[in-house]
Amino acid sequence: MDLKFKVSARVARPVHEVFEAVADPAKLSGYFTTGGAVGRLEMGKTVQWDFADFPGAFPVEVVEVEPDRRIVLKWEANDGPPEEGAASAGAAYMTTVVMTFEPLDGDSRTLVTIEESGWRETEMGLKAAFGNCMGWSQMLAALKAWVEHGLNLREGMYV
């Protein structure tokens, strides 16, 4: 079994505008990384994402960027300490996030798809995957509200 999920949403803006809302740290900070994002998503860089409603900044490795098409990230799985007897017990590990941006309707809308994979096949890994699935789904809703209407849905969502 490969623990992964895929979520998607359609945003009523051209693909370049939607891509920039994710790649540009100032824009991303307006609706998702409400504690701030440091560093543009560019291949080979490690950026920081901070969430006001979760403690501490998260390092995010930017593995691949194809402007207006695709972003691939790696970050540490947040599934707590490994369960007793689990393989590689005690070792931190990374999950992979793949974001794709597809123009629709003559580039008047954009289909954004986010897939995350790589959790341990444990109860904690499953809980973390479900938690991140909720987070990415909420991120897509927040992206849509921000880009289309200038509204920040994340503020106060979790605290």
C-alpha atoms as a PDB file:
ATOM      1  CA  MET A   1       0.000   0.000   0.000  1.00  0.00           C
ATOM      2  CA  ASP A   2       1.246   3.474  -0.864  1.00  0.00           C
ATOM      3  CA  LEU A   3      -0.216   6.115   1.469  1.00  0.00           C
ATOM      4  CA  LYS A   4      -1.050   9.061  -0.765  1.00  0.00           C
ATOM      5  CA  PHE A   5      -3.925  11.325  -1.672  1.00  0.00           C
ATOM      6  CA  LYS A   6      -4.888  13.754  -4.402  1.00  0.00           C
ATOM      7  CA  VAL A   7      -7.117  16.846  -4.110  1.00  0.00           C
ATOM      8  CA  SER A   8      -8.014  19.444  -6.701  1.00  0.00           C
ATOM      9  CA  ALA A   9      -9.968  22.639  -7.270  1.00  0.00           C
ATOM     10  CA  ARG A  10     -10.787  24.988 -10.109  1.00  0.00           C
ATOM     11  CA  VAL A  11      -9.861  28.641  -9.685  1.00  0.00           C
ATOM     12  CA  ALA A  12     -11.453  31.265 -11.932  1.00  0.00           C
ATOM     13  CA  ARG A  13      -8.186  32.974 -12.866  1.00  0.00           C
ATOM     14  CA  PRO A  14      -5.485  32.414 -15.521  1.00  0.00           C
ATOM     15  CA  VAL A  15      -2.865  29.775 -14.761  1.00  0.00           C
ATOM     16  CA  HIS A  16       0.006  32.276 -14.364  1.00  0.00           C
ATOM     17  CA  GLU A  17      -1.880  34.244 -11.712  1.00  0.00           C
ATOM     18  CA  VAL A  18      -2.760  31.085  -9.779  1.00  0.00           C
ATOM     19  CA  PHE A  19       0.783  29.689 -10.057  1.00  0.00           C
ATOM     20  CA  GLU A  20       2.221  32.967  -8.738  1.00  0.00           C
ATOM     21  CA  ALA A  21      -0.194  32.885  -5.787  1.00  0.00           C
ATOM     22  CA  VAL A  22       1.629  29.698  -4.720  1.00  0.00           C
ATOM     23  CA  ALA A  23       5.216  30.408  -5.842  1.00  0.00           C
ATOM     24  CA  ASP A  24       5.460  34.004  -4.528  1.00  0.00           C
ATOM     25  CA  PRO A  25       6.044  33.992  -0.741  1.00  0.00           C
ATOM     26  CA  ALA A  26       4.281  37.337  -0.189  1.00  0.00           C
ATOM     27  CA  LYS A  27       1.139  36.076  -1.926  1.00  0.00           C
ATOM     28  CA  LEU A  28       1.276  32.648  -0.241  1.00  0.00           C
ATOM     29  CA  SER A  29       1.534  34.393   3.146  1.00  0.00           C
ATOM     30  CA  GLY A  30      -1.711  36.242   2.458  1.00  0.00           C
ATOM     31  CA  TYR A  31      -3.922  33.155   2.582  1.00  0.00           C
ATOM     32  CA  PHE A  32      -1.954  30.002   3.553  1.00  0.00           C
ATOM     33  CA  THR A  33       1.323  30.474   5.424  1.00  0.00           C
ATOM     34  CA  THR A  34      -0.224  33.065   7.722  1.00  0.00           C
ATOM     35  CA  GLY A  35       2.905  33.130   9.889  1.00  0.00           C
ATOM     36  CA  GLY A  36       4.875  33.988   6.753  1.00  0.00           C
ATOM     37  CA  ALA A  37       6.689  32.301   3.905  1.00  0.00           C
ATOM     38  CA  VAL A  38      10.358  33.006   3.278  1.00  0.00           C
ATOM     39  CA  GLY A  39      11.783  32.304  -0.172  1.00  0.00           C
ATOM     40  CA  ARG A  40      10.274  31.962  -3.604  1.00  0.00           C
ATOM     41  CA  LEU A  41       9.582  28.415  -4.777  1.00  0.00           C
ATOM     42  CA  GLU A  42      12.552  27.868  -7.091  1.00  0.00           C
ATOM     43  CA  MET A  43      14.190  24.543  -7.909  1.00  0.00           C
ATOM     44  CA  GLY A  44      16.998  23.581  -5.536  1.00  0.00           C
ATOM     45  CA  LYS A  45      16.036  26.008  -2.771  1.00  0.00           C
ATOM     46  CA  THR A  46      14.842  25.296   0.731  1.00  0.00           C
ATOM     47  CA  VAL A  47      12.195  27.783   1.839  1.00  0.00           C
ATOM     48  CA  GLN A  48      10.446  28.277   5.180  1.00  0.00           C
ATOM     49  CA  TRP A  49       6.702  28.101   5.737  1.00  0.00           C
ATOM     50  CA  ASP A  50       5.321  29.310   9.059  1.00  0.00           C
ATOM     51  CA  PHE A  51       1.701  28.932  10.115  1.00  0.00           C
ATOM     52  CA  ALA A  52       0.385  31.266  12.811  1.00  0.00           C
ATOM     53  CA  ASP A  53      -1.869  28.483  14.117  1.00  0.00           C
ATOM     54  CA  PHE A  54       0.881  25.824  14.334  1.00  0.00           C
ATOM     55  CA  PRO A  55       4.152  26.394  16.228  1.00  0.00           C
ATOM     56  CA  GLY A  56       7.421  26.832  14.391  1.00  0.00           C
ATOM     57  CA  ALA A  57       8.496  27.248  10.785  1.00  0.00           C
ATOM     58  CA  PHE A  58       8.700  24.271   8.443  1.00  0.00           C
ATOM     59  CA  PRO A  59      11.598  23.877   5.994  1.00  0.00           C
ATOM     60  CA  VAL A  60      10.318  22.973   2.533  1.00  0.00           C
ATOM     61  CA  GLU A  61      12.697  21.596  -0.115  1.00  0.00           C
ATOM     62  CA  VAL A  62      11.844  22.697  -3.657  1.00  0.00           C
ATOM     63  CA  VAL A  63      12.677  19.705  -5.864  1.00  0.00           C
ATOM     64  CA  GLU A  64      11.259  20.857  -9.190  1.00  0.00           C
ATOM     65  CA  VAL A  65       9.543  23.917 -10.660  1.00  0.00           C
ATOM     66  CA  GLU A  66       8.114  24.159 -14.140  1.00  0.00           C
ATOM     67  CA  PRO A  67       6.635  27.697 -14.298  1.00  0.00           C
ATOM     68  CA  ASP A  68       2.860  27.775 -14.675  1.00  0.00           C
ATOM     69  CA  ARG A  69       2.733  23.931 -14.778  1.00  0.00           C
ATOM     70  CA  ARG A  70       4.225  22.058 -11.815  1.00  0.00           C
ATOM     71  CA  ILE A  71       5.869  22.376  -8.395  1.00  0.00           C
ATOM     72  CA  VAL A  72       7.387  19.421  -6.512  1.00  0.00           C
ATOM     73  CA  LEU A  73       8.216  19.828  -2.808  1.00  0.00           C
ATOM     74  CA  LYS A  74       9.554  17.634  -0.018  1.00  0.00           C
ATOM     75  CA  TRP A  75       9.006  18.254   3.658  1.00  0.00           C
ATOM     76  CA  GLU A  76       9.231  16.277   6.856  1.00  0.00           C
ATOM     77  CA  ALA A  77       6.333  13.977   7.591  1.00  0.00           C
ATOM     78  CA  ASN A  78       4.510  15.205  10.657  1.00  0.00           C
ATOM     79  CA  ASP A  79       3.332  11.894  12.047  1.00  0.00           C
ATOM     80  CA  GLY A  80       4.977  11.916  15.457  1.00  0.00           C
ATOM     81  CA  PRO A  81       7.419   9.341  16.774  1.00  0.00           C
ATOM     82  CA  PRO A  82       7.474   6.012  14.945  1.00  0.00           C
ATOM     83  CA  GLU A  83       5.340   3.245  16.363  1.00  0.00           C
ATOM     84  CA  GLU A  84       7.127   0.541  18.325  1.00  0.00           C
ATOM     85  CA  GLY A  85       8.697  -2.022  16.030  1.00  0.00           C
ATOM     86  CA  ALA A  86       8.283   0.137  12.919  1.00  0.00           C
ATOM     87  CA  ALA A  87      10.996  -0.045  10.290  1.00  0.00           C
ATOM     88  CA  SER A  88      13.618   2.705  10.620  1.00  0.00           C
ATOM     89  CA  ALA A  89      12.282   3.569  14.056  1.00  0.00           C
ATOM     90  CA  GLY A  90      13.375   6.985  15.209  1.00  0.00           C
ATOM     91  CA  ALA A  91      14.332   8.242  11.753  1.00  0.00           C
ATOM     92  CA  ALA A  92      12.661  11.333  10.391  1.00  0.00           C
ATOM     93  CA  TYR A  93      11.442  11.051   6.822  1.00  0.00           C
ATOM     94  CA  MET A  94      10.073  13.226   4.039  1.00  0.00           C
ATOM     95  CA  THR A  95       6.858  13.203   2.054  1.00  0.00           C
ATOM     96  CA  THR A  96       6.564  14.483  -1.506  1.00  0.00           C
ATOM     97  CA  VAL A  97       4.028  17.100  -2.593  1.00  0.00           C
ATOM     98  CA  VAL A  98       3.292  17.513  -6.306  1.00  0.00           C
ATOM     99  CA  MET A  99       1.240  20.517  -7.397  1.00  0.00           C
ATOM    100  CA  THR A 100       0.057  20.810 -10.985  1.00  0.00           C
ATOM    101  CA  PHE A 101      -1.588  23.788 -12.698  1.00  0.00           C
ATOM    102  CA  GLU A 102      -3.682  23.192 -15.809  1.00  0.00           C
ATOM    103  CA  PRO A 103      -5.283  25.993 -17.841  1.00  0.00           C
ATOM    104  CA  LEU A 104      -8.987  25.501 -18.580  1.00  0.00           C
ATOM    105  CA  ASP A 105     -11.508  27.301 -20.785  1.00  0.00           C
ATOM    106  CA  GLY A 106      -8.985  29.269 -22.829  1.00  0.00           C
ATOM    107  CA  ASP A 107      -6.930  30.002 -19.685  1.00  0.00           C
ATOM    108  CA  SER A 108      -9.774  31.810 -17.939  1.00  0.00           C
ATOM    109  CA  ARG A 109      -9.705  29.126 -15.199  1.00  0.00           C
ATOM    110  CA  THR A 110      -7.045  26.892 -13.665  1.00  0.00           C
ATOM    111  CA  LEU A 111      -7.290  23.348 -12.362  1.00  0.00           C
ATOM    112  CA  VAL A 112      -4.931  22.991  -9.384  1.00  0.00           C
ATOM    113  CA  THR A 113      -4.157  19.439  -8.249  1.00  0.00           C
ATOM    114  CA  ILE A 114      -2.121  18.576  -5.159  1.00  0.00           C
ATOM    115  CA  GLU A 115      -0.887  15.056  -4.450  1.00  0.00           C
ATOM    116  CA  GLU A 116       1.118  14.077  -1.371  1.00  0.00           C
ATOM    117  CA  SER A 117       2.759  10.704  -0.850  1.00  0.00           C
ATOM    118  CA  GLY A 118       5.390   8.883   1.156  1.00  0.00           C
ATOM    119  CA  TRP A 119       4.020   8.323   4.667  1.00  0.00           C
ATOM    120  CA  ARG A 120       4.891   5.265   6.672  1.00  0.00           C
ATOM    121  CA  GLU A 121       2.257   2.571   6.499  1.00  0.00           C
ATOM    122  CA  THR A 122       1.380   2.874  10.179  1.00  0.00           C
ATOM    123  CA  GLU A 123      -1.566   4.193  12.142  1.00  0.00           C
ATOM    124  CA  MET A 124       0.342   7.446  12.772  1.00  0.00           C
ATOM    125  CA  GLY A 125       1.242   7.712   9.082  1.00  0.00           C
ATOM    126  CA  LEU A 126      -2.395   7.250   8.119  1.00  0.00           C
ATOM    127  CA  LYS A 127      -3.529   9.923  10.601  1.00  0.00           C
ATOM    128  CA  ALA A 128      -0.878  12.325   9.291  1.00  0.00           C
ATOM    129  CA  ALA A 129      -1.911  11.677   5.685  1.00  0.00           C
ATOM    130  CA  PHE A 130      -5.560  12.372   6.516  1.00  0.00           C
ATOM    131  CA  GLY A 131      -4.533  15.530   8.384  1.00  0.00           C
ATOM    132  CA  ASN A 132      -2.501  16.805   5.452  1.00  0.00           C
ATOM    133  CA  CYS A 133      -5.309  15.921   3.047  1.00  0.00           C
ATOM    134  CA  MET A 134      -7.577  18.181   5.098  1.00  0.00           C
ATOM    135  CA  GLY A 135      -4.900  20.890   5.129  1.00  0.00           C
ATOM    136  CA  TRP A 136      -4.312  20.826   1.365  1.00  0.00           C
ATOM    137  CA  SER A 137      -8.066  20.803   0.695  1.00  0.00           C
ATOM    138  CA  GLN A 138      -8.407  23.850   2.902  1.00  0.00           C
ATOM    139  CA  MET A 139      -5.406  25.439   1.172  1.00  0.00           C
ATOM    140  CA  LEU A 140      -7.147  25.051  -2.195  1.00  0.00           C
ATOM    141  CA  ALA A 141     -10.332  26.647  -0.846  1.00  0.00           C
ATOM    142  CA  ALA A 142      -8.260  29.477   0.652  1.00  0.00           C
ATOM    143  CA  LEU A 143      -6.327  29.901  -2.623  1.00  0.00           C
ATOM    144  CA  LYS A 144      -9.597  30.177  -4.556  1.00  0.00           C
ATOM    145  CA  ALA A 145     -11.109  32.705  -2.127  1.00  0.00           C
ATOM    146  CA  TRP A 146      -7.874  34.757  -2.045  1.00  0.00           C
ATOM    147  CA  VAL A 147      -7.208  34.854  -5.786  1.00  0.00           C
ATOM    148  CA  GLU A 148     -10.828  35.338  -6.840  1.00  0.00           C
ATOM    149  CA  HIS A 149     -12.096  37.586  -4.018  1.00  0.00           C
ATOM    150  CA  GLY A 150      -9.174  38.741  -1.820  1.00  0.00           C
ATOM    151  CA  LEU A 151     -10.536  36.871   1.223  1.00  0.00           C
ATOM    152  CA  ASN A 152      -8.357  35.073   3.794  1.00  0.00           C
ATOM    153  CA  LEU A 153     -10.200  31.886   4.810  1.00  0.00           C
ATOM    154  CA  ARG A 154      -7.351  30.433   6.893  1.00  0.00           C
ATOM    155  CA  GLU A 155      -7.230  33.170   9.506  1.00  0.00           C
ATOM    156  CA  GLY A 156      -8.909  31.740  12.609  1.00  0.00           C
ATOM    157  CA  MET A 157      -9.698  28.425  10.877  1.00  0.00           C
ATOM    158  CA  TYR A 158      -7.721  26.237  13.294  1.00  0.00           C
ATOM    159  CA  VAL A 159      -7.540  28.301  16.484  1.00  0.00           C
END
